[in-house]
Amino acid sequence: MCIRIGIMGYGNLGRGVELAVKNAPDMELVAVFTRRDPAALKINTENVPVVSAAAAAEWKDKIDVMILCGGSATDLPVQTPQFAKDFNVIDSFDTHANLPAHFTNTDAAAKSGNKVAIISVGWDPGLFSLARAYGNAVLPNGQDYTFWGKGVSQGHSDAIRRVKGVKNAKQYTVPVEAALESIRNGETPALTTREKHTRVCYVVPEAGADLAQIEHDIKTMPNYFSDYDTTVHFITEEELLRDHSGMAHGGFVLRSGVTSEGTKHIIEYSLKLDSNPEFTTSVLVAYARAAYRLYNEKNYGAKTVLDVPPAYLLNKTAEELRASLV
């Protein structure tokens, strides 16, 4: 039996989930839900209905896992608890500072409906969370370091586009190379947020917008830009499409630690991604498989990637995993 997937939202993430489901032989796309006019939305999969988000509850017995493809700034804090009452859900909530509250709200909703909700799925939080966990387990006497980029951050770009006066925008996260190299050399510096990354924003303003106010609103945005050295460039729509249409990203997780005096070890996990949304949604779809298994075990409530057995992510039996991966 195929796992029946619903997609809530059809932007970059929604299209990525659609592609990832096609690559999953144990899944089928059942419906795409949108806040736009369903009749005006053309998706890439034939014979799959596009449905108004307002009618989603009518599909709760037809969908095994709903993958939520909204933004972390304003969509997911509302949508995830809302839909977790009726569906097993996956989201990519990535505002680290607000994650505990989001978990609590979602956990209550999912348990009220006997559903499973796996939140903050992607590569960070997500796969990088696992890398940090394994590093801490193996090297308890050590220090974690996480670097993102250089690449386009979907969440930060979305946050900029919600600033008053912004028509369109892209944001690049850029590691401070000197900090990264010092850790690779075995040093364990105490780095502030500002010393690890810079943020570079390319913004298309609306006609007549107050550019100084836009720049101020971006640079002072809590949880996104206020703790970083941030540069804002104002450009035209044509320049954005010409020079910033790609979605490449990546990053590094390092754990530097010691097991005895003078004996140092460095664990490094890295990603280099041609398409941030396509990779992120591949992770979302793998965790949809896990959510379905947890639901069948009646293991209800909210989860993070740290709560999910790795074997649940793969479309293989335990015997096949032992033979091919162990």
Protein backbone atom coordinates (compact mmCIF):
# COMPACT_ATOMS: atom_id res chain seq x y z
CA MET A 1 0.00 0.00 0.00
CA CYS A 2 1.29 3.45 -0.92
CA ILE A 3 1.52 6.20 1.65
CA ARG A 4 -0.95 8.88 0.60
CA ILE A 5 0.67 12.34 0.62
CA GLY A 6 -0.93 15.78 0.68
CA ILE A 7 0.97 19.01 0.02
CA MET A 8 -0.09 22.20 1.77
CA GLY A 9 1.27 25.13 -0.23
CA TYR A 10 2.76 25.10 -3.72
CA GLY A 11 5.80 27.36 -3.75
CA ASN A 12 9.41 26.20 -3.99
CA LEU A 13 8.93 23.65 -1.21
CA GLY A 14 5.63 22.37 -2.53
CA ARG A 15 7.09 21.75 -5.97
CA GLY A 16 10.08 20.04 -4.35
CA VAL A 17 7.84 17.70 -2.35
CA GLU A 18 5.95 16.86 -5.53
CA LEU A 19 9.23 15.86 -7.18
CA ALA A 20 10.43 13.88 -4.15
CA VAL A 21 7.18 11.91 -3.96
CA LYS A 22 7.66 10.89 -7.59
CA ASN A 23 11.02 9.44 -6.56
CA ALA A 24 9.46 7.44 -3.71
CA PRO A 25 7.95 4.15 -4.94
CA ASP A 26 6.03 3.64 -1.68
CA MET A 27 4.20 6.99 -1.90
CA GLU A 28 1.55 8.68 -4.01
CA LEU A 29 0.48 12.32 -4.22
CA VAL A 30 -3.24 12.59 -3.44
CA ALA A 31 -3.88 16.34 -3.45
CA VAL A 32 -2.27 19.78 -3.38
CA PHE A 33 -3.83 22.42 -1.14
CA THR A 34 -3.48 26.14 -1.74
CA ARG A 35 -4.65 29.47 -0.34
CA ARG A 36 -4.72 30.75 -3.93
CA ASP A 37 -7.51 30.14 -6.41
CA PRO A 38 -7.26 26.36 -7.05
CA ALA A 39 -8.54 26.77 -10.60
CA ALA A 40 -5.64 29.07 -11.44
CA LEU A 41 -2.90 26.78 -10.08
CA LYS A 42 -1.18 24.40 -12.49
CA ILE A 43 0.87 21.62 -10.88
CA ASN A 44 3.31 19.22 -12.52
CA THR A 45 1.48 15.97 -11.73
CA GLU A 46 -1.43 14.89 -13.88
CA ASN A 47 -4.73 13.73 -12.39
CA VAL A 48 -4.01 15.14 -8.93
CA PRO A 49 -6.59 17.66 -7.70
CA VAL A 50 -5.74 21.16 -6.47
CA VAL A 51 -7.95 22.00 -3.50
CA SER A 52 -8.63 25.09 -1.45
CA ALA A 53 -6.75 25.05 1.85
CA ALA A 54 -10.03 25.93 3.54
CA ALA A 55 -11.42 22.54 2.52
CA ALA A 56 -8.48 20.50 3.81
CA ALA A 57 -10.40 18.97 6.73
CA GLU A 58 -12.67 17.20 4.24
CA TRP A 59 -9.63 15.14 3.17
CA LYS A 60 -8.51 13.94 6.60
CA ASP A 61 -9.47 10.31 5.88
CA LYS A 62 -7.92 10.35 2.40
CA ILE A 63 -4.39 11.47 3.31
CA ASP A 64 -1.85 9.61 5.44
CA VAL A 65 0.66 12.45 5.81
CA MET A 66 0.25 16.15 5.06
CA ILE A 67 3.52 17.93 4.28
CA LEU A 68 3.32 21.61 5.20
CA CYS A 69 5.26 23.88 2.86
CA GLY A 70 4.70 27.32 4.38
CA GLY A 71 7.25 29.69 5.86
CA SER A 72 8.48 29.66 9.45
CA ALA A 73 7.91 33.37 10.03
CA THR A 74 4.10 33.39 10.05
CA ASP A 75 2.67 30.28 8.32
CA LEU A 76 3.90 27.26 10.27
CA PRO A 77 3.35 28.58 13.82
CA VAL A 78 -0.36 28.66 12.92
CA GLN A 79 -0.68 25.89 10.33
CA THR A 80 1.18 23.08 12.04
CA PRO A 81 -0.93 22.96 15.22
CA GLN A 82 -4.05 23.61 13.14
CA PHE A 83 -3.53 20.68 10.74
CA ALA A 84 -1.96 18.34 13.32
CA LYS A 85 -5.42 17.86 14.82
CA ASP A 86 -6.66 16.14 11.63
CA PHE A 87 -3.53 14.90 9.85
CA ASN A 88 -0.14 13.38 10.47
CA VAL A 89 2.06 16.32 9.48
CA ILE A 90 5.65 17.22 8.61
CA ASP A 91 6.98 20.77 8.70
CA SER A 92 10.31 22.54 8.20
CA PHE A 93 10.02 25.10 11.01
CA ASP A 94 13.50 26.61 11.32
CA THR A 95 13.32 29.50 13.79
CA HIS A 96 15.57 27.92 16.43
CA ALA A 97 14.68 30.38 19.20
CA ASN A 98 10.95 29.61 18.89
CA LEU A 99 11.25 25.86 18.44
CA PRO A 100 10.34 24.88 22.06
CA ALA A 101 7.06 26.82 21.95
CA HIS A 102 6.23 25.48 18.48
CA PHE A 103 6.84 21.93 19.72
CA THR A 104 4.59 22.41 22.75
CA ASN A 105 1.73 23.86 20.70
CA THR A 106 1.99 21.15 18.06
CA ASP A 107 2.32 18.33 20.57
CA ALA A 108 -0.96 19.25 22.26
CA ALA A 109 -2.76 19.48 18.93
CA ALA A 110 -1.41 16.18 17.59
CA LYS A 111 -2.23 14.28 20.76
CA SER A 112 -5.77 15.69 20.77
CA GLY A 113 -6.37 14.07 17.39
CA ASN A 114 -4.22 10.94 17.86
CA LYS A 115 -1.82 12.08 15.15
CA VAL A 116 1.94 12.34 14.62
CA ALA A 117 3.67 15.64 13.87
CA ILE A 118 7.37 15.72 13.05
CA ILE A 119 8.53 19.32 13.18
CA SER A 120 11.69 21.16 12.11
CA VAL A 121 12.58 18.68 9.39
CA GLY A 122 15.15 19.57 6.75
CA TRP A 123 18.89 19.90 6.82
CA ASP A 124 19.15 22.48 9.61
CA PRO A 125 17.29 21.88 11.76
CA GLY A 126 17.14 18.27 10.65
CA LEU A 127 20.16 16.39 9.37
CA PHE A 128 22.52 18.88 11.01
CA SER A 129 20.67 18.29 14.29
CA LEU A 130 21.54 14.60 14.00
CA ALA A 131 25.17 15.42 13.21
CA ARG A 132 25.37 17.56 16.35
CA ALA A 133 23.74 14.83 18.43
CA TYR A 134 26.14 12.14 17.24
CA GLY A 135 29.11 14.45 17.78
CA ASN A 136 28.05 15.23 21.34
CA ALA A 137 27.49 11.55 22.10
CA VAL A 138 30.91 10.47 20.85
CA LEU A 139 32.96 13.48 22.02
CA PRO A 140 31.34 14.70 25.26
CA ASN A 141 34.38 16.86 26.01
CA GLY A 142 34.20 19.21 23.08
CA GLN A 143 32.55 22.09 21.27
CA ASP A 144 29.96 22.28 18.47
CA TYR A 145 30.28 24.59 15.49
CA THR A 146 27.69 25.01 12.74
CA PHE A 147 28.24 27.04 9.59
CA TRP A 148 25.71 27.67 6.83
CA GLY A 149 26.40 28.67 3.24
CA LYS A 150 27.42 30.23 1.13
CA GLY A 151 23.91 29.92 -0.13
CA VAL A 152 20.34 31.12 -0.36
CA SER A 153 18.34 30.74 2.85
CA GLN A 154 14.68 30.11 2.02
CA GLY A 155 13.46 31.06 5.50
CA HIS A 156 15.42 34.30 5.65
CA SER A 157 14.46 35.23 2.10
CA ASP A 158 10.82 34.63 2.98
CA ALA A 159 11.19 36.81 6.09
CA ILE A 160 12.57 39.69 4.00
CA ARG A 161 9.74 39.41 1.48
CA ARG A 162 7.28 40.00 4.32
CA VAL A 163 8.87 43.35 5.21
CA LYS A 164 6.68 46.31 4.29
CA GLY A 165 7.78 47.83 0.96
CA VAL A 166 9.60 44.71 -0.30
CA LYS A 167 8.45 43.28 -3.62
CA ASN A 168 10.96 40.43 -3.86
CA ALA A 169 14.23 39.41 -2.23
CA LYS A 170 16.96 36.80 -1.82
CA GLN A 171 19.24 36.38 1.18
CA TYR A 172 22.67 34.73 1.18
CA THR A 173 24.25 33.30 4.32
CA VAL A 174 28.05 33.48 4.14
CA PRO A 175 30.42 31.72 6.59
CA VAL A 176 33.38 33.68 7.93
CA GLU A 177 36.18 31.64 6.39
CA ALA A 178 38.79 32.47 9.02
CA ALA A 179 36.54 31.11 11.78
CA LEU A 180 35.86 27.89 9.87
CA GLU A 181 39.55 27.26 9.18
CA SER A 182 40.56 27.84 12.81
CA ILE A 183 38.24 25.03 13.91
CA ARG A 184 39.52 22.69 11.22
CA ASN A 185 43.01 23.39 12.55
CA GLY A 186 42.00 22.03 15.94
CA GLU A 187 41.33 25.31 17.72
CA THR A 188 38.23 25.74 19.88
CA PRO A 189 37.42 29.44 19.73
CA ALA A 190 34.41 30.90 21.54
CA LEU A 191 32.64 32.47 18.58
CA THR A 192 29.70 34.84 18.71
CA THR A 193 26.92 34.58 16.14
CA ARG A 194 28.33 37.64 14.41
CA GLU A 195 31.81 36.10 14.18
CA LYS A 196 30.61 32.98 12.36
CA HIS A 197 28.43 34.36 9.53
CA THR A 198 27.50 37.42 7.56
CA ARG A 199 24.20 37.94 5.76
CA VAL A 200 23.84 39.57 2.35
CA CYS A 201 20.38 40.64 1.14
CA TYR A 202 19.32 41.56 -2.39
CA VAL A 203 16.02 43.42 -2.27
CA VAL A 204 13.61 44.56 -4.97
CA PRO A 205 11.61 47.41 -3.40
CA GLU A 206 8.08 48.34 -4.32
CA ALA A 207 7.68 51.60 -6.21
CA GLY A 208 7.94 54.56 -3.85
CA ALA A 209 9.00 52.44 -0.87
CA ASP A 210 11.12 53.95 1.91
CA LEU A 211 14.48 52.28 1.33
CA ALA A 212 15.98 53.44 4.61
CA GLN A 213 13.03 51.99 6.53
CA ILE A 214 13.28 48.67 4.67
CA GLU A 215 16.98 48.42 5.48
CA HIS A 216 16.31 49.25 9.14
CA ASP A 217 13.49 46.69 9.38
CA ILE A 218 15.68 43.96 7.92
CA LYS A 219 18.79 44.64 9.98
CA THR A 220 16.86 44.83 13.27
CA MET A 221 14.68 41.74 12.69
CA PRO A 222 15.04 39.47 15.74
CA ASN A 223 16.02 35.81 15.22
CA TYR A 224 16.91 36.53 11.59
CA PHE A 225 19.29 39.49 11.15
CA SER A 226 19.76 41.51 14.34
CA ASP A 227 22.68 39.37 15.57
CA TYR A 228 24.60 39.44 12.27
CA ASP A 229 26.58 41.86 10.15
CA THR A 230 23.99 42.33 7.42
CA THR A 231 24.37 44.09 4.08
CA VAL A 232 21.31 45.16 2.09
CA HIS A 233 21.57 45.80 -1.66
CA PHE A 234 18.62 47.31 -3.53
CA ILE A 235 18.32 46.01 -7.09
CA THR A 236 15.75 45.72 -9.89
CA GLU A 237 13.51 42.73 -10.54
CA GLU A 238 15.48 42.08 -13.72
CA GLU A 239 18.77 41.98 -11.80
CA LEU A 240 17.28 39.58 -9.24
CA LEU A 241 16.10 37.19 -11.94
CA ARG A 242 19.34 37.47 -13.89
CA ASP A 243 21.86 37.18 -11.07
CA HIS A 244 20.06 35.50 -8.17
CA SER A 245 17.68 32.90 -9.58
CA GLY A 246 19.60 29.90 -8.23
CA MET A 247 18.84 28.14 -4.93
CA ALA A 248 22.21 26.60 -4.05
CA HIS A 249 23.15 26.20 -0.39
CA GLY A 250 25.04 23.99 2.02
CA GLY A 251 27.02 24.08 5.21
CA PHE A 252 29.13 22.36 7.82
CA VAL A 253 28.72 20.86 11.27
CA LEU A 254 31.93 20.32 13.22
CA ARG A 255 32.56 18.83 16.64
CA SER A 256 36.03 19.42 18.06
CA GLY A 257 36.83 17.42 21.18
CA VAL A 258 39.40 15.54 23.23
CA THR A 259 39.41 12.02 24.68
CA SER A 260 42.57 12.46 26.76
CA GLU A 261 45.08 15.22 27.37
CA GLY A 262 46.59 16.26 24.05
CA THR A 263 44.48 13.82 22.00
CA LYS A 264 42.17 15.85 19.75
CA HIS A 265 39.49 14.75 17.30
CA ILE A 266 37.42 16.64 14.76
CA ILE A 267 34.16 15.38 13.28
CA GLU A 268 32.99 17.26 10.17
CA TYR A 269 29.72 16.76 8.33
CA SER A 270 29.09 18.85 5.24
CA LEU A 271 26.48 19.41 2.55
CA LYS A 272 26.82 21.04 -0.85
CA LEU A 273 23.43 21.50 -2.48
CA ASP A 274 22.56 22.58 -6.01
CA SER A 275 18.97 23.16 -4.91
CA ASN A 276 18.09 24.00 -1.32
CA PRO A 277 14.33 23.35 -1.79
CA GLU A 278 14.77 20.07 -3.67
CA PHE A 279 17.12 18.70 -1.02
CA THR A 280 15.05 20.00 1.90
CA THR A 281 11.90 18.42 0.54
CA SER A 282 13.68 15.11 -0.01
CA VAL A 283 14.28 15.12 3.73
CA LEU A 284 10.64 16.05 4.40
CA VAL A 285 9.43 13.12 2.33
CA ALA A 286 11.75 10.66 4.08
CA TYR A 287 10.33 11.79 7.43
CA ALA A 288 6.79 11.46 6.06
CA ARG A 289 7.56 7.75 5.80
CA ALA A 290 8.65 7.77 9.43
CA ALA A 291 5.53 9.64 10.54
CA TYR A 292 3.35 7.03 8.88
CA ARG A 293 5.15 4.24 10.72
CA LEU A 294 4.94 6.02 14.07
CA TYR A 295 1.22 6.61 13.51
CA ASN A 296 0.63 2.91 12.85
CA GLU A 297 2.41 2.22 16.15
CA LYS A 298 0.08 4.73 17.86
CA ASN A 299 3.12 6.75 18.93
CA TYR A 300 1.22 10.04 18.78
CA GLY A 301 2.31 13.61 19.43
CA ALA A 302 5.03 15.96 18.21
CA LYS A 303 8.52 14.68 17.40
CA THR A 304 11.79 16.10 16.15
CA VAL A 305 14.37 14.25 14.08
CA LEU A 306 16.10 13.24 17.33
CA ASP A 307 13.05 11.16 18.27
CA VAL A 308 12.84 9.14 15.05
CA PRO A 309 14.71 5.84 14.51
CA PRO A 310 16.91 6.11 11.39
CA ALA A 311 15.51 2.86 10.01
CA TYR A 312 12.06 4.45 9.77
CA LEU A 313 13.29 6.83 7.05
CA LEU A 314 13.98 4.14 4.48
CA ASN A 315 11.74 2.04 2.30
CA LYS A 316 13.61 -1.15 3.26
CA THR A 317 13.06 -4.02 5.65
CA ALA A 318 15.23 -4.46 8.71
CA GLU A 319 16.94 -7.40 6.99
CA GLU A 320 17.71 -5.31 3.91
CA LEU A 321 19.14 -2.48 6.04
CA ARG A 322 21.43 -4.85 7.95
CA ALA A 323 22.69 -6.34 4.70
CA SER A 324 23.26 -3.08 2.83
CA LEU A 325 23.99 -0.30 5.32
CA VAL A 326 25.35 -1.74 8.56
